[in-house]
């Protein structure tokens, strides 16, 4: 009886703006997963979401203040993480800068194999190289699997982002009150990763 060969380890490397098109399938996977979980906040359709997110990522990567890492198996991007670094918060002590893991996505067929952990290791190395020792991530309330993943990595609840609708109507955005595209790079996608 032969033992199947172990998969080749993923190669973790910085992600630059020239390779952003490879991120789109993983972004779609992330949004589709949140849609399946029935996120509290209405999700923007992919055909509008990805161009906006790509623009945010491109700005982050070209202005030099933030960074991304990708996990590659051969020529295929199987996971990525994007980190936004900003000036320190005015209320909470965040050190010299505020760092936020905006997105982390792993291809469904690669989950459970250590890719997410390897991406977080690379993120932490990148933060440490910049003299930063803490960061945050917003996790959708219904994404309990992601919450457990981050808790295993030492993350703890520290702040809750609550969503409300003018007039108190549940999911008013779903009734056409908003197209969900009014976010800025500073507020985009909190709680959707």
C-alpha atoms as a PDB file:
ATOM      1  CA  UNK A   1       0.000   0.000   0.000  1.00  0.00           C
ATOM      2  CA  UNK A   2       1.401   3.391  -0.960  1.00  0.00           C
ATOM      3  CA  UNK A   3       0.929   6.540   1.037  1.00  0.00           C
ATOM      4  CA  UNK A   4      -0.288   9.559  -0.909  1.00  0.00           C
ATOM      5  CA  UNK A   5       2.329  12.267  -1.279  1.00  0.00           C
ATOM      6  CA  UNK A   6       1.947  15.220   1.057  1.00  0.00           C
ATOM      7  CA  UNK A   7       0.968  18.416  -0.707  1.00  0.00           C
ATOM      8  CA  UNK A   8       3.777  20.804  -1.479  1.00  0.00           C
ATOM      9  CA  UNK A   9       4.035  23.520   1.139  1.00  0.00           C
ATOM     10  CA  UNK A  10       2.590  26.834   0.133  1.00  0.00           C
ATOM     11  CA  UNK A  11       5.018  29.602  -0.669  1.00  0.00           C
ATOM     12  CA  UNK A  12       4.278  32.801   1.271  1.00  0.00           C
ATOM     13  CA  UNK A  13       5.373  36.016  -0.421  1.00  0.00           C
ATOM     14  CA  UNK A  14       4.563  39.733  -0.383  1.00  0.00           C
ATOM     15  CA  UNK A  15       1.569  40.627  -2.516  1.00  0.00           C
ATOM     16  CA  UNK A  16       2.019  43.595  -4.824  1.00  0.00           C
ATOM     17  CA  UNK A  17      -0.438  45.634  -6.865  1.00  0.00           C
ATOM     18  CA  UNK A  18       0.624  43.944 -10.107  1.00  0.00           C
ATOM     19  CA  UNK A  19      -0.798  40.623  -8.867  1.00  0.00           C
ATOM     20  CA  UNK A  20      -4.134  41.857  -7.516  1.00  0.00           C
ATOM     21  CA  UNK A  21      -6.164  40.197 -10.268  1.00  0.00           C
ATOM     22  CA  UNK A  22      -5.209  36.843  -8.726  1.00  0.00           C
ATOM     23  CA  UNK A  23      -7.010  37.925  -5.523  1.00  0.00           C
ATOM     24  CA  UNK A  24     -10.463  38.253  -7.106  1.00  0.00           C
ATOM     25  CA  UNK A  25     -11.484  34.559  -6.835  1.00  0.00           C
ATOM     26  CA  UNK A  26     -10.509  34.537  -3.153  1.00  0.00           C
ATOM     27  CA  UNK A  27     -12.435  37.768  -2.553  1.00  0.00           C
ATOM     28  CA  UNK A  28     -15.488  36.178  -4.185  1.00  0.00           C
ATOM     29  CA  UNK A  29     -15.039  33.111  -1.971  1.00  0.00           C
ATOM     30  CA  UNK A  30     -14.964  35.321   1.117  1.00  0.00           C
ATOM     31  CA  UNK A  31     -18.099  37.243   0.143  1.00  0.00           C
ATOM     32  CA  UNK A  32     -19.953  34.074  -0.912  1.00  0.00           C
ATOM     33  CA  UNK A  33     -19.085  32.502   2.458  1.00  0.00           C
ATOM     34  CA  UNK A  34     -20.520  35.499   4.312  1.00  0.00           C
ATOM     35  CA  UNK A  35     -23.626  35.367   2.145  1.00  0.00           C
ATOM     36  CA  UNK A  36     -24.104  31.682   3.044  1.00  0.00           C
ATOM     37  CA  UNK A  37     -23.789  32.560   6.739  1.00  0.00           C
ATOM     38  CA  UNK A  38     -26.516  35.206   6.375  1.00  0.00           C
ATOM     39  CA  UNK A  39     -24.481  38.191   7.483  1.00  0.00           C
ATOM     40  CA  UNK A  40     -26.411  40.774   9.512  1.00  0.00           C
ATOM     41  CA  UNK A  41     -25.422  43.505   7.065  1.00  0.00           C
ATOM     42  CA  UNK A  42     -26.558  43.220   3.448  1.00  0.00           C
ATOM     43  CA  UNK A  43     -23.636  42.392   1.164  1.00  0.00           C
ATOM     44  CA  UNK A  44     -22.830  44.342  -1.983  1.00  0.00           C
ATOM     45  CA  UNK A  45     -23.062  42.228  -5.174  1.00  0.00           C
ATOM     46  CA  UNK A  46     -19.690  40.906  -6.305  1.00  0.00           C
ATOM     47  CA  UNK A  47     -19.679  42.806  -9.591  1.00  0.00           C
ATOM     48  CA  UNK A  48     -19.658  46.072  -7.575  1.00  0.00           C
ATOM     49  CA  UNK A  49     -17.804  44.834  -4.515  1.00  0.00           C
ATOM     50  CA  UNK A  50     -14.641  43.570  -6.190  1.00  0.00           C
ATOM     51  CA  UNK A  51     -13.822  46.717  -8.242  1.00  0.00           C
ATOM     52  CA  UNK A  52     -14.176  48.828  -5.109  1.00  0.00           C
ATOM     53  CA  UNK A  53     -12.128  46.451  -2.965  1.00  0.00           C
ATOM     54  CA  UNK A  54      -9.474  46.164  -5.680  1.00  0.00           C
ATOM     55  CA  UNK A  55      -9.181  49.963  -5.744  1.00  0.00           C
ATOM     56  CA  UNK A  56      -8.730  50.028  -1.951  1.00  0.00           C
ATOM     57  CA  UNK A  57      -6.090  47.291  -2.093  1.00  0.00           C
ATOM     58  CA  UNK A  58      -4.248  48.972  -4.958  1.00  0.00           C
ATOM     59  CA  UNK A  59      -4.115  52.281  -3.063  1.00  0.00           C
ATOM     60  CA  UNK A  60      -2.892  50.497   0.064  1.00  0.00           C
ATOM     61  CA  UNK A  61      -0.155  48.648  -1.788  1.00  0.00           C
ATOM     62  CA  UNK A  62       1.068  51.549  -3.908  1.00  0.00           C
ATOM     63  CA  UNK A  63       1.177  54.221  -1.199  1.00  0.00           C
ATOM     64  CA  UNK A  64       3.604  52.090   0.801  1.00  0.00           C
ATOM     65  CA  UNK A  65       1.879  52.444   4.161  1.00  0.00           C
ATOM     66  CA  UNK A  66       0.195  49.042   4.185  1.00  0.00           C
ATOM     67  CA  UNK A  67       1.006  45.561   2.929  1.00  0.00           C
ATOM     68  CA  UNK A  68      -0.351  42.258   1.722  1.00  0.00           C
ATOM     69  CA  UNK A  69       0.910  38.686   1.656  1.00  0.00           C
ATOM     70  CA  UNK A  70      -0.106  35.819  -0.558  1.00  0.00           C
ATOM     71  CA  UNK A  71       0.104  32.044  -0.270  1.00  0.00           C
ATOM     72  CA  UNK A  72       0.978  30.421  -3.583  1.00  0.00           C
ATOM     73  CA  UNK A  73       0.940  26.783  -4.627  1.00  0.00           C
ATOM     74  CA  UNK A  74       2.805  26.922  -7.894  1.00  0.00           C
ATOM     75  CA  UNK A  75       1.189  29.694  -9.940  1.00  0.00           C
ATOM     76  CA  UNK A  76      -2.126  29.526  -8.042  1.00  0.00           C
ATOM     77  CA  UNK A  77      -2.879  32.025  -5.280  1.00  0.00           C
ATOM     78  CA  UNK A  78      -4.509  29.908  -2.556  1.00  0.00           C
ATOM     79  CA  UNK A  79      -4.780  32.547   0.158  1.00  0.00           C
ATOM     80  CA  UNK A  80      -4.061  36.161   0.941  1.00  0.00           C
ATOM     81  CA  UNK A  81      -4.071  38.686   3.754  1.00  0.00           C
ATOM     82  CA  UNK A  82      -4.189  42.482   3.542  1.00  0.00           C
ATOM     83  CA  UNK A  83      -3.085  44.783   6.365  1.00  0.00           C
ATOM     84  CA  UNK A  84      -3.894  48.482   6.645  1.00  0.00           C
ATOM     85  CA  UNK A  85      -1.526  50.588   8.721  1.00  0.00           C
ATOM     86  CA  UNK A  86      -2.672  54.041   9.799  1.00  0.00           C
ATOM     87  CA  UNK A  87      -1.733  56.702  12.348  1.00  0.00           C
ATOM     88  CA  UNK A  88      -2.415  55.771  15.974  1.00  0.00           C
ATOM     89  CA  UNK A  89      -5.970  55.773  17.221  1.00  0.00           C
ATOM     90  CA  UNK A  90      -7.086  58.870  19.129  1.00  0.00           C
ATOM     91  CA  UNK A  91      -8.949  56.895  21.809  1.00  0.00           C
ATOM     92  CA  UNK A  92      -7.408  53.430  22.167  1.00  0.00           C
ATOM     93  CA  UNK A  93      -3.711  52.937  22.767  1.00  0.00           C
ATOM     94  CA  UNK A  94      -2.426  51.287  19.600  1.00  0.00           C
ATOM     95  CA  UNK A  95       1.269  52.106  19.800  1.00  0.00           C
ATOM     96  CA  UNK A  96       2.943  54.191  17.124  1.00  0.00           C
ATOM     97  CA  UNK A  97       0.415  53.112  14.476  1.00  0.00           C
ATOM     98  CA  UNK A  98      -2.925  51.371  14.116  1.00  0.00           C
ATOM     99  CA  UNK A  99      -2.790  48.083  12.205  1.00  0.00           C
ATOM    100  CA  UNK A 100      -5.866  46.273  10.941  1.00  0.00           C
ATOM    101  CA  UNK A 101      -6.077  42.952   9.156  1.00  0.00           C
ATOM    102  CA  UNK A 102      -8.674  43.973   6.566  1.00  0.00           C
ATOM    103  CA  UNK A 103      -8.977  40.631   4.830  1.00  0.00           C
ATOM    104  CA  UNK A 104      -7.797  37.068   5.083  1.00  0.00           C
ATOM    105  CA  UNK A 105      -9.149  34.489   2.693  1.00  0.00           C
ATOM    106  CA  UNK A 106      -8.101  30.917   1.917  1.00  0.00           C
ATOM    107  CA  UNK A 107      -9.382  28.819  -0.984  1.00  0.00           C
ATOM    108  CA  UNK A 108     -12.010  26.333   0.278  1.00  0.00           C
ATOM    109  CA  UNK A 109     -10.006  23.303  -0.888  1.00  0.00           C
ATOM    110  CA  UNK A 110      -6.973  24.562   1.072  1.00  0.00           C
ATOM    111  CA  UNK A 111      -8.658  25.267   4.412  1.00  0.00           C
ATOM    112  CA  UNK A 112      -7.534  23.305   7.442  1.00  0.00           C
ATOM    113  CA  UNK A 113      -4.041  22.790   6.040  1.00  0.00           C
ATOM    114  CA  UNK A 114      -2.242  25.607   7.835  1.00  0.00           C
ATOM    115  CA  UNK A 115      -2.418  28.224   5.064  1.00  0.00           C
ATOM    116  CA  UNK A 116      -4.341  30.736   7.202  1.00  0.00           C
ATOM    117  CA  UNK A 117      -1.875  30.293  10.053  1.00  0.00           C
ATOM    118  CA  UNK A 118       1.070  30.728   7.687  1.00  0.00           C
ATOM    119  CA  UNK A 119      -0.490  33.928   6.351  1.00  0.00           C
ATOM    120  CA  UNK A 120      -0.968  35.266   9.892  1.00  0.00           C
ATOM    121  CA  UNK A 121       2.648  34.359  10.704  1.00  0.00           C
ATOM    122  CA  UNK A 122       3.744  36.415   7.674  1.00  0.00           C
ATOM    123  CA  UNK A 123       1.465  39.288   8.712  1.00  0.00           C
ATOM    124  CA  UNK A 124       2.977  39.294  12.194  1.00  0.00           C
ATOM    125  CA  UNK A 125       6.499  39.212  10.760  1.00  0.00           C
ATOM    126  CA  UNK A 126       5.605  42.208   8.566  1.00  0.00           C
ATOM    127  CA  UNK A 127       4.166  44.084  11.539  1.00  0.00           C
ATOM    128  CA  UNK A 128       7.173  43.301  13.734  1.00  0.00           C
ATOM    129  CA  UNK A 129       9.524  44.495  10.973  1.00  0.00           C
ATOM    130  CA  UNK A 130       7.625  47.815  11.063  1.00  0.00           C
ATOM    131  CA  UNK A 131       7.951  48.038  14.851  1.00  0.00           C
ATOM    132  CA  UNK A 132       4.296  47.201  15.524  1.00  0.00           C
ATOM    133  CA  UNK A 133       3.219  44.767  18.212  1.00  0.00           C
ATOM    134  CA  UNK A 134      -0.577  44.647  17.917  1.00  0.00           C
ATOM    135  CA  UNK A 135      -3.326  44.584  15.326  1.00  0.00           C
ATOM    136  CA  UNK A 136      -7.070  44.140  15.050  1.00  0.00           C
ATOM    137  CA  UNK A 137      -9.512  42.371  12.770  1.00  0.00           C
ATOM    138  CA  UNK A 138     -13.243  42.732  12.363  1.00  0.00           C
ATOM    139  CA  UNK A 139     -15.041  39.391  12.133  1.00  0.00           C
ATOM    140  CA  UNK A 140     -18.663  39.067  11.057  1.00  0.00           C
ATOM    141  CA  UNK A 141     -20.762  38.014  14.050  1.00  0.00           C
ATOM    142  CA  UNK A 142     -22.130  34.970  12.211  1.00  0.00           C
ATOM    143  CA  UNK A 143     -18.667  33.733  11.183  1.00  0.00           C
ATOM    144  CA  UNK A 144     -18.004  31.521  14.205  1.00  0.00           C
ATOM    145  CA  UNK A 145     -15.351  29.483  12.375  1.00  0.00           C
ATOM    146  CA  UNK A 146     -13.259  32.613  11.784  1.00  0.00           C
ATOM    147  CA  UNK A 147     -13.807  33.709  15.386  1.00  0.00           C
ATOM    148  CA  UNK A 148     -12.450  30.366  16.650  1.00  0.00           C
ATOM    149  CA  UNK A 149      -9.462  30.602  14.262  1.00  0.00           C
ATOM    150  CA  UNK A 150      -8.484  34.053  15.557  1.00  0.00           C
ATOM    151  CA  UNK A 151      -9.106  33.098  19.191  1.00  0.00           C
ATOM    152  CA  UNK A 152      -6.694  30.161  18.781  1.00  0.00           C
ATOM    153  CA  UNK A 153      -4.161  32.754  17.624  1.00  0.00           C
ATOM    154  CA  UNK A 154      -4.649  34.794  20.814  1.00  0.00           C
ATOM    155  CA  UNK A 155      -7.170  37.396  19.616  1.00  0.00           C
ATOM    156  CA  UNK A 156      -9.779  38.507  22.137  1.00  0.00           C
ATOM    157  CA  UNK A 157     -12.958  40.552  21.870  1.00  0.00           C
ATOM    158  CA  UNK A 158     -12.067  44.155  22.459  1.00  0.00           C
ATOM    159  CA  UNK A 159     -14.644  46.194  20.579  1.00  0.00           C
ATOM    160  CA  UNK A 160     -18.006  45.492  18.984  1.00  0.00           C
ATOM    161  CA  UNK A 161     -19.106  47.273  15.823  1.00  0.00           C
ATOM    162  CA  UNK A 162     -22.888  47.488  15.933  1.00  0.00           C
ATOM    163  CA  UNK A 163     -25.073  48.050  12.872  1.00  0.00           C
ATOM    164  CA  UNK A 164     -28.339  49.951  12.933  1.00  0.00           C
ATOM    165  CA  UNK A 165     -30.803  51.307  10.431  1.00  0.00           C
ATOM    166  CA  UNK A 166     -32.420  54.716  10.345  1.00  0.00           C
ATOM    167  CA  UNK A 167     -35.969  54.376  11.564  1.00  0.00           C
ATOM    168  CA  UNK A 168     -35.103  51.113  13.337  1.00  0.00           C
ATOM    169  CA  UNK A 169     -36.150  48.898  10.434  1.00  0.00           C
ATOM    170  CA  UNK A 170     -34.281  45.621  10.277  1.00  0.00           C
ATOM    171  CA  UNK A 171     -32.056  45.391   7.248  1.00  0.00           C
ATOM    172  CA  UNK A 172     -33.283  48.678   5.811  1.00  0.00           C
ATOM    173  CA  UNK A 173     -30.382  48.556   3.370  1.00  0.00           C
ATOM    174  CA  UNK A 174     -31.885  45.424   1.846  1.00  0.00           C
ATOM    175  CA  UNK A 175     -35.011  47.404   1.044  1.00  0.00           C
ATOM    176  CA  UNK A 176     -33.068  49.838  -1.123  1.00  0.00           C
ATOM    177  CA  UNK A 177     -32.061  52.464   1.462  1.00  0.00           C
ATOM    178  CA  UNK A 178     -28.386  52.044   0.546  1.00  0.00           C
ATOM    179  CA  UNK A 179     -26.268  50.341  -2.064  1.00  0.00           C
ATOM    180  CA  UNK A 180     -23.611  49.563   0.553  1.00  0.00           C
ATOM    181  CA  UNK A 181     -20.947  51.377  -1.443  1.00  0.00           C
ATOM    182  CA  UNK A 182     -20.527  54.437   0.759  1.00  0.00           C
ATOM    183  CA  UNK A 183     -17.540  53.078   2.674  1.00  0.00           C
ATOM    184  CA  UNK A 184     -14.182  54.777   2.759  1.00  0.00           C
ATOM    185  CA  UNK A 185     -10.858  52.926   2.891  1.00  0.00           C
ATOM    186  CA  UNK A 186     -10.888  53.568   6.654  1.00  0.00           C
ATOM    187  CA  UNK A 187     -14.281  51.935   7.221  1.00  0.00           C
ATOM    188  CA  UNK A 188     -14.535  49.505   4.331  1.00  0.00           C
ATOM    189  CA  UNK A 189     -15.509  45.951   5.195  1.00  0.00           C
ATOM    190  CA  UNK A 190     -15.301  46.121   9.009  1.00  0.00           C
ATOM    191  CA  UNK A 191     -16.648  42.854  10.267  1.00  0.00           C
ATOM    192  CA  UNK A 192     -16.778  41.163   6.862  1.00  0.00           C
ATOM    193  CA  UNK A 193     -13.536  39.213   7.084  1.00  0.00           C
END
